[in-house]
PDB file of N, CA and C in Angstrom:
ATOM      1  N   MET A   1      29.065 177.683  15.927  1.00  0.00           N
ATOM      2  CA  MET A   1      29.801 176.843  15.003  1.00  0.00           C
ATOM      3  C   MET A   1      31.254 176.661  15.449  1.00  0.00           C
ATOM      4  N   LEU A   2      31.811 177.727  15.938  1.00  0.00           N
ATOM      5  CA  LEU A   2      33.212 177.657  16.346  1.00  0.00           C
ATOM      6  C   LEU A   2      33.385 176.674  17.501  1.00  0.00           C
ATOM      7  N   GLY A   3      32.436 176.660  18.451  1.00  0.00           N
ATOM      8  CA  GLY A   3      32.502 175.742  19.582  1.00  0.00           C
ATOM      9  C   GLY A   3      32.427 174.289  19.150  1.00  0.00           C
ATOM     10  N   ILE A   4      31.604 174.023  18.128  1.00  0.00           N
ATOM     11  CA  ILE A   4      31.493 172.656  17.603  1.00  0.00           C
ATOM     12  C   ILE A   4      32.821 172.216  17.005  1.00  0.00           C
ATOM     13  N   LEU A   5      33.442 173.080  16.235  1.00  0.00           N
ATOM     14  CA  LEU A   5      34.719 172.744  15.610  1.00  0.00           C
ATOM     15  C   LEU A   5      35.822 172.554  16.649  1.00  0.00           C
ATOM     16  N   ILE A   6      35.860 173.425  17.642  1.00  0.00           N
ATOM     17  CA  ILE A   6      36.879 173.299  18.690  1.00  0.00           C
ATOM     18  C   ILE A   6      36.648 172.014  19.491  1.00  0.00           C
ATOM     19  N   GLY A   7      35.389 171.732  19.837  1.00  0.00           N
ATOM     20  CA  GLY A   7      35.072 170.523  20.584  1.00  0.00           C
ATOM     21  C   GLY A   7      35.433 169.263  19.811  1.00  0.00           C
ATOM     22  N   ALA A   8      35.174 169.255  18.503  1.00  0.00           N
ATOM     23  CA  ALA A   8      35.526 168.099  17.675  1.00  0.00           C
ATOM     24  C   ALA A   8      37.042 167.927  17.619  1.00  0.00           C
ATOM     25  N   GLY A   9      37.773 169.007  17.526  1.00  0.00           N
ATOM     26  CA  GLY A   9      39.239 168.929  17.496  1.00  0.00           C
ATOM     27  C   GLY A   9      39.805 168.415  18.804  1.00  0.00           C
ATOM     28  N   VAL A  10      39.268 168.904  19.927  1.00  0.00           N
ATOM     29  CA  VAL A  10      39.730 168.444  21.237  1.00  0.00           C
ATOM     30  C   VAL A  10      39.420 166.957  21.392  1.00  0.00           C
ATOM     31  N   TYR A  11      38.226 166.556  21.011  1.00  0.00           N
ATOM     32  CA  TYR A  11      37.833 165.149  21.103  1.00  0.00           C
ATOM     33  C   TYR A  11      38.771 164.272  20.279  1.00  0.00           C
ATOM     34  N   ALA A  12      39.086 164.698  19.068  1.00  0.00           N
ATOM     35  CA  ALA A  12      39.974 163.916  18.198  1.00  0.00           C
ATOM     36  C   ALA A  12      41.373 163.797  18.801  1.00  0.00           C
ATOM     37  N   GLU A  13      41.840 164.806  19.477  1.00  0.00           N
ATOM     38  CA  GLU A  13      43.168 164.764  20.087  1.00  0.00           C
ATOM     39  C   GLU A  13      43.200 163.941  21.368  1.00  0.00           C
ATOM     40  N   VAL A  14      42.120 163.957  22.138  1.00  0.00           N
ATOM     41  CA  VAL A  14      42.082 163.297  23.442  1.00  0.00           C
ATOM     42  C   VAL A  14      41.675 161.826  23.327  1.00  0.00           C
ATOM     43  N   TYR A  15      40.969 161.452  22.264  1.00  0.00           N
ATOM     44  CA  TYR A  15      40.424 160.102  22.168  1.00  0.00           C
ATOM     45  C   TYR A  15      41.472 158.987  22.269  1.00  0.00           C
ATOM     46  N   PRO A  16      42.641 159.077  21.656  1.00  0.00           N
ATOM     47  CA  PRO A  16      43.621 157.991  21.824  1.00  0.00           C
ATOM     48  C   PRO A  16      43.980 157.737  23.286  1.00  0.00           C
ATOM     49  N   TRP A  17      44.124 158.794  24.083  1.00  0.00           N
ATOM     50  CA  TRP A  17      44.408 158.630  25.506  1.00  0.00           C
ATOM     51  C   TRP A  17      43.220 157.988  26.227  1.00  0.00           C
ATOM     52  N   VAL A  18      42.026 158.431  25.896  1.00  0.00           N
ATOM     53  CA  VAL A  18      40.817 157.868  26.508  1.00  0.00           C
ATOM     54  C   VAL A  18      40.716 156.380  26.175  1.00  0.00           C
ATOM     55  N   GLU A  19      41.014 156.017  24.947  1.00  0.00           N
ATOM     56  CA  GLU A  19      40.935 154.610  24.526  1.00  0.00           C
ATOM     57  C   GLU A  19      41.955 153.753  25.273  1.00  0.00           C
ATOM     58  N   ARG A  20      43.154 154.269  25.476  1.00  0.00           N
ATOM     59  CA  ARG A  20      44.194 153.507  26.181  1.00  0.00           C
ATOM     60  C   ARG A  20      43.918 153.368  27.665  1.00  0.00           C
ATOM     61  N   THR A  21      43.285 154.357  28.267  1.00  0.00           N
ATOM     62  CA  THR A  21      43.144 154.350  29.726  1.00  0.00           C
ATOM     63  C   THR A  21      41.709 154.102  30.177  1.00  0.00           C
ATOM     64  N   LEU A  22      40.838 155.033  29.960  1.00  0.00           N
ATOM     65  CA  LEU A  22      39.487 154.981  30.517  1.00  0.00           C
ATOM     66  C   LEU A  22      38.634 153.856  29.941  1.00  0.00           C
ATOM     67  N   LEU A  23      38.701 153.623  28.651  1.00  0.00           N
ATOM     68  CA  LEU A  23      37.845 152.615  28.043  1.00  0.00           C
ATOM     69  C   LEU A  23      38.242 151.195  28.424  1.00  0.00           C
ATOM     70  N   ARG A  24      39.437 151.006  28.902  1.00  0.00           N
ATOM     71  CA  ARG A  24      39.883 149.661  29.303  1.00  0.00           C
ATOM     72  C   ARG A  24      39.524 149.332  30.757  1.00  0.00           C
ATOM     73  N   LEU A  25      39.088 150.311  31.517  1.00  0.00           N
ATOM     74  CA  LEU A  25      38.756 150.085  32.920  1.00  0.00           C
ATOM     75  C   LEU A  25      37.620 149.080  33.088  1.00  0.00           C
ATOM     76  N   GLY A  26      36.625 149.130  32.236  1.00  0.00           N
ATOM     77  CA  GLY A  26      35.486 148.233  32.363  1.00  0.00           C
ATOM     78  C   GLY A  26      35.508 147.096  31.369  1.00  0.00           C
ATOM     79  N   SER A  27      36.671 146.728  30.878  1.00  0.00           N
ATOM     80  CA  SER A  27      36.771 145.686  29.863  1.00  0.00           C
ATOM     81  C   SER A  27      36.825 144.310  30.519  1.00  0.00           C
ATOM     82  N   TYR A  28      35.647 143.726  30.766  1.00  0.00           N
ATOM     83  CA  TYR A  28      35.567 142.415  31.398  1.00  0.00           C
ATOM     84  C   TYR A  28      35.089 141.335  30.436  1.00  0.00           C
ATOM     85  N   GLY A  29      34.929 141.675  29.173  1.00  0.00           N
ATOM     86  CA  GLY A  29      34.421 140.700  28.211  1.00  0.00           C
ATOM     87  C   GLY A  29      32.912 140.599  28.313  1.00  0.00           C
ATOM     88  N   LYS A  30      32.386 139.441  27.926  1.00  0.00           N
ATOM     89  CA  LYS A  30      30.938 139.236  27.934  1.00  0.00           C
ATOM     90  C   LYS A  30      30.489 138.836  29.338  1.00  0.00           C
ATOM     91  N   LEU A  31      29.751 139.724  30.003  1.00  0.00           N
ATOM     92  CA  LEU A  31      29.235 139.443  31.334  1.00  0.00           C
ATOM     93  C   LEU A  31      27.721 139.298  31.272  1.00  0.00           C
ATOM     94  N   THR A  32      27.204 138.289  31.944  1.00  0.00           N
ATOM     95  CA  THR A  32      25.771 138.118  32.077  1.00  0.00           C
ATOM     96  C   THR A  32      25.453 137.912  33.551  1.00  0.00           C
ATOM     97  N   VAL A  33      24.222 138.189  33.935  1.00  0.00           N
ATOM     98  CA  VAL A  33      23.824 137.999  35.329  1.00  0.00           C
ATOM     99  C   VAL A  33      23.961 136.532  35.729  1.00  0.00           C
ATOM    100  N   PRO A  34      23.451 135.568  34.919  1.00  0.00           N
ATOM    101  CA  PRO A  34      23.631 134.167  35.310  1.00  0.00           C
ATOM    102  C   PRO A  34      25.111 133.766  35.392  1.00  0.00           C
ATOM    103  N   GLY A  35      25.932 134.297  34.514  1.00  0.00           N
ATOM    104  CA  GLY A  35      27.356 133.979  34.545  1.00  0.00           C
ATOM    105  C   GLY A  35      28.039 134.504  35.794  1.00  0.00           C
ATOM    106  N   VAL A  36      27.683 135.710  36.211  1.00  0.00           N
ATOM    107  CA  VAL A  36      28.270 136.291  37.410  1.00  0.00           C
ATOM    108  C   VAL A  36      27.813 135.532  38.650  1.00  0.00           C
ATOM    109  N   LEU A  37      26.506 135.161  38.667  1.00  0.00           N
ATOM    110  CA  LEU A  37      25.972 134.436  39.818  1.00  0.00           C
ATOM    111  C   LEU A  37      26.347 132.955  39.809  1.00  0.00           C
ATOM    112  N   GLY A  38      26.757 132.456  38.655  1.00  0.00           N
ATOM    113  CA  GLY A  38      27.127 131.049  38.540  1.00  0.00           C
ATOM    114  C   GLY A  38      25.933 130.115  38.558  1.00  0.00           C
ATOM    115  N   VAL A  39      24.811 130.561  37.970  1.00  0.00           N
ATOM    116  CA  VAL A  39      23.602 129.744  37.939  1.00  0.00           C
ATOM    117  C   VAL A  39      23.111 129.601  36.498  1.00  0.00           C
ATOM    118  N   ASN A  40      22.172 128.686  36.299  1.00  0.00           N
ATOM    119  CA  ASN A  40      21.531 128.504  34.996  1.00  0.00           C
ATOM    120  C   ASN A  40      20.728 129.766  34.667  1.00  0.00           C
ATOM    121  N   HIS A  41      20.594 130.075  33.389  1.00  0.00           N
ATOM    122  CA  HIS A  41      19.882 131.294  32.998  1.00  0.00           C
ATOM    123  C   HIS A  41      18.419 131.282  33.440  1.00  0.00           C
ATOM    124  N   TRP A  42      17.806 130.109  33.543  1.00  0.00           N
ATOM    125  CA  TRP A  42      16.408 130.030  33.978  1.00  0.00           C
ATOM    126  C   TRP A  42      16.252 130.433  35.444  1.00  0.00           C
ATOM    127  N   ALA A  43      17.295 130.294  36.225  1.00  0.00           N
ATOM    128  CA  ALA A  43      17.244 130.699  37.628  1.00  0.00           C
ATOM    129  C   ALA A  43      17.185 132.220  37.768  1.00  0.00           C
ATOM    130  N   VAL A  44      17.465 132.928  36.696  1.00  0.00           N
ATOM    131  CA  VAL A  44      17.352 134.385  36.693  1.00  0.00           C
ATOM    132  C   VAL A  44      16.065 134.804  35.982  1.00  0.00           C
ATOM    133  N   ILE A  45      15.735 134.130  34.883  1.00  0.00           N
ATOM    134  CA  ILE A  45      14.566 134.501  34.088  1.00  0.00           C
ATOM    135  C   ILE A  45      13.268 134.311  34.867  1.00  0.00           C
ATOM    136  N   VAL A  46      13.089 133.149  35.489  1.00  0.00           N
ATOM    137  CA  VAL A  46      11.821 132.844  36.169  1.00  0.00           C
ATOM    138  C   VAL A  46      11.532 133.848  37.295  1.00  0.00           C
ATOM    139  N   PRO A  47      12.469 134.126  38.201  1.00  0.00           N
ATOM    140  CA  PRO A  47      12.157 135.126  39.238  1.00  0.00           C
ATOM    141  C   PRO A  47      11.875 136.518  38.681  1.00  0.00           C
ATOM    142  N   LEU A  48      12.550 136.898  37.610  1.00  0.00           N
ATOM    143  CA  LEU A  48      12.288 138.207  37.019  1.00  0.00           C
ATOM    144  C   LEU A  48      10.893 138.273  36.402  1.00  0.00           C
ATOM    145  N   VAL A  49      10.462 137.196  35.754  1.00  0.00           N
ATOM    146  CA  VAL A  49       9.120 137.156  35.177  1.00  0.00           C
ATOM    147  C   VAL A  49       8.070 137.204  36.287  1.00  0.00           C
ATOM    148  N   VAL A  50       8.288 136.441  37.345  1.00  0.00           N
ATOM    149  CA  VAL A  50       7.349 136.446  38.473  1.00  0.00           C
ATOM    150  C   VAL A  50       7.298 137.829  39.118  1.00  0.00           C
ATOM    151  N   ALA A  51       8.448 138.445  39.330  1.00  0.00           N
ATOM    152  CA  ALA A  51       8.485 139.780  39.931  1.00  0.00           C
ATOM    153  C   ALA A  51       7.806 140.812  39.027  1.00  0.00           C
ATOM    154  N   GLY A  52       8.049 140.736  37.737  1.00  0.00           N
ATOM    155  CA  GLY A  52       7.414 141.667  36.800  1.00  0.00           C
ATOM    156  C   GLY A  52       5.904 141.488  36.766  1.00  0.00           C
ATOM    157  N   GLY A  53       5.447 140.242  36.735  1.00  0.00           N
ATOM    158  CA  GLY A  53       4.011 139.972  36.742  1.00  0.00           C
ATOM    159  C   GLY A  53       3.353 140.436  38.024  1.00  0.00           C
ATOM    160  N   THR A  54       4.009 140.203  39.148  1.00  0.00           N
ATOM    161  CA  THR A  54       3.484 140.657  40.437  1.00  0.00           C
ATOM    162  C   THR A  54       3.387 142.177  40.473  1.00  0.00           C
ATOM    163  N   PHE A  55       4.389 142.844  39.956  1.00  0.00           N
ATOM    164  CA  PHE A  55       4.373 144.309  39.905  1.00  0.00           C
ATOM    165  C   PHE A  55       3.222 144.816  39.047  1.00  0.00           C
ATOM    166  N   LEU A  56       3.008 144.197  37.885  1.00  0.00           N
ATOM    167  CA  LEU A  56       1.916 144.626  37.012  1.00  0.00           C
ATOM    168  C   LEU A  56       0.553 144.371  37.653  1.00  0.00           C
ATOM    169  N   LEU A  57       0.395 143.240  38.341  1.00  0.00           N
ATOM    170  CA  LEU A  57      -0.857 142.977  39.058  1.00  0.00           C
ATOM    171  C   LEU A  57      -1.078 144.005  40.159  1.00  0.00           C
ATOM    172  N   TRP A  58      -0.035 144.348  40.876  1.00  0.00           N
ATOM    173  CA  TRP A  58      -0.137 145.353  41.922  1.00  0.00           C
ATOM    174  C   TRP A  58      -0.562 146.702  41.340  1.00  0.00           C
ATOM    175  N   LEU A  59       0.043 147.084  40.210  1.00  0.00           N
ATOM    176  CA  LEU A  59      -0.341 148.344  39.558  1.00  0.00           C
ATOM    177  C   LEU A  59      -1.798 148.321  39.135  1.00  0.00           C
ATOM    178  N   ASP A  60      -2.253 147.203  38.573  1.00  0.00           N
ATOM    179  CA  ASP A  60      -3.623 147.088  38.111  1.00  0.00           C
ATOM    180  C   ASP A  60      -4.598 147.202  39.275  1.00  0.00           C
ATOM    181  N   ARG A  61      -4.322 146.515  40.367  1.00  0.00           N
ATOM    182  CA  ARG A  61      -5.215 146.566  41.523  1.00  0.00           C
ATOM    183  C   ARG A  61      -5.189 147.940  42.178  1.00  0.00           C
ATOM    184  N   ARG A  62      -4.047 148.569  42.166  1.00  0.00           N
ATOM    185  CA  ARG A  62      -3.929 149.921  42.717  1.00  0.00           C
ATOM    186  C   ARG A  62      -4.762 150.896  41.907  1.00  0.00           C
ATOM    187  N   GLU A  63      -4.725 150.747  40.575  1.00  0.00           N
ATOM    188  CA  GLU A  63      -5.499 151.618  39.697  1.00  0.00           C
ATOM    189  C   GLU A  63      -6.992 151.375  39.886  1.00  0.00           C
ATOM    190  N   LYS A  64      -7.400 150.112  39.989  1.00  0.00           N
ATOM    191  CA  LYS A  64      -8.816 149.801  40.175  1.00  0.00           C
ATOM    192  C   LYS A  64      -9.330 150.353  41.487  1.00  0.00           C
ATOM    193  N   GLY A  65      -8.497 150.439  42.497  1.00  0.00           N
ATOM    194  CA  GLY A  65      -8.894 150.997  43.777  1.00  0.00           C
ATOM    195  C   GLY A  65      -9.126 152.487  43.725  1.00  0.00           C
ATOM    196  N   ASN A  66      -8.558 153.163  42.749  1.00  0.00           N
ATOM    197  CA  ASN A  66      -8.721 154.616  42.622  1.00  0.00           C
ATOM    198  C   ASN A  66      -9.913 154.988  41.758  1.00  0.00           C
ATOM    199  N   ARG A  67     -10.549 154.024  41.089  1.00  0.00           N
ATOM    200  CA  ARG A  67     -11.698 154.308  40.236  1.00  0.00           C
ATOM    201  C   ARG A  67     -12.979 154.337  41.055  1.00  0.00           C
ATOM    202  N   LEU A  68     -13.879 155.216  40.681  1.00  0.00           N
ATOM    203  CA  LEU A  68     -15.202 155.255  41.296  1.00  0.00           C
ATOM    204  C   LEU A  68     -16.149 154.396  40.470  1.00  0.00           C
ATOM    205  N   SER A  69     -17.262 154.020  41.039  1.00  0.00           N
ATOM    206  CA  SER A  69     -18.208 153.153  40.329  1.00  0.00           C
ATOM    207  C   SER A  69     -18.820 153.852  39.122  1.00  0.00           C
ATOM    208  N   GLU A  70     -18.817 155.184  39.090  1.00  0.00           N
ATOM    209  CA  GLU A  70     -19.382 155.914  37.952  1.00  0.00           C
ATOM    210  C   GLU A  70     -18.408 156.007  36.779  1.00  0.00           C
ATOM    211  N   GLY A  71     -17.239 155.481  36.921  1.00  0.00           N
ATOM    212  CA  GLY A  71     -16.275 155.523  35.831  1.00  0.00           C
ATOM    213  C   GLY A  71     -15.259 156.637  35.976  1.00  0.00           C
ATOM    214  N   GLY A  72     -15.367 157.441  37.023  1.00  0.00           N
ATOM    215  CA  GLY A  72     -14.404 158.512  37.239  1.00  0.00           C
ATOM    216  C   GLY A  72     -13.256 158.033  38.098  1.00  0.00           C
ATOM    217  N   TYR A  73     -12.404 158.926  38.467  1.00  0.00           N
ATOM    218  CA  TYR A  73     -11.263 158.590  39.302  1.00  0.00           C
ATOM    219  C   TYR A  73     -11.329 159.393  40.590  1.00  0.00           C
ATOM    220  N   ARG A  74     -10.949 158.784  41.666  1.00  0.00           N
ATOM    221  CA  ARG A  74     -10.926 159.433  42.963  1.00  0.00           C
ATOM    222  C   ARG A  74      -9.635 160.240  43.068  1.00  0.00           C
ATOM    223  N   VAL A  75      -9.716 161.429  43.592  1.00  0.00           N
ATOM    224  CA  VAL A  75      -8.534 162.257  43.797  1.00  0.00           C
ATOM    225  C   VAL A  75      -7.995 161.942  45.189  1.00  0.00           C
ATOM    226  N   VAL A  76      -6.746 161.576  45.255  1.00  0.00           N
ATOM    227  CA  VAL A  76      -6.123 161.204  46.519  1.00  0.00           C
ATOM    228  C   VAL A  76      -5.167 162.322  46.906  1.00  0.00           C
ATOM    229  N   ALA A  77      -5.446 162.943  48.047  1.00  0.00           N
ATOM    230  CA  ALA A  77      -4.566 164.011  48.532  1.00  0.00           C
ATOM    231  C   ALA A  77      -3.392 163.379  49.270  1.00  0.00           C
ATOM    232  N   LYS A  78      -2.199 163.887  49.023  1.00  0.00           N
ATOM    233  CA  LYS A  78      -1.011 163.332  49.667  1.00  0.00           C
ATOM    234  C   LYS A  78      -0.392 164.345  50.571  1.00  0.00           C
TER     235      LYS A  78
END
């Protein structure tokens, strides 16, 4: 209990300094991937959807390759 109280007191004393210095380091406003790249939002959404779908298909095919015809799973030694 004493550690919690001491930690809360230290945090309360240090926070104004943290707010003035550390928290302002990453203050860039509203950043988006399309805004940073300077492209339309669809130019980011479509490739991400395609990449995600491709990844899921790859996972599915990888899993099907590990199944045996009897419904069990093959053990793969690495």
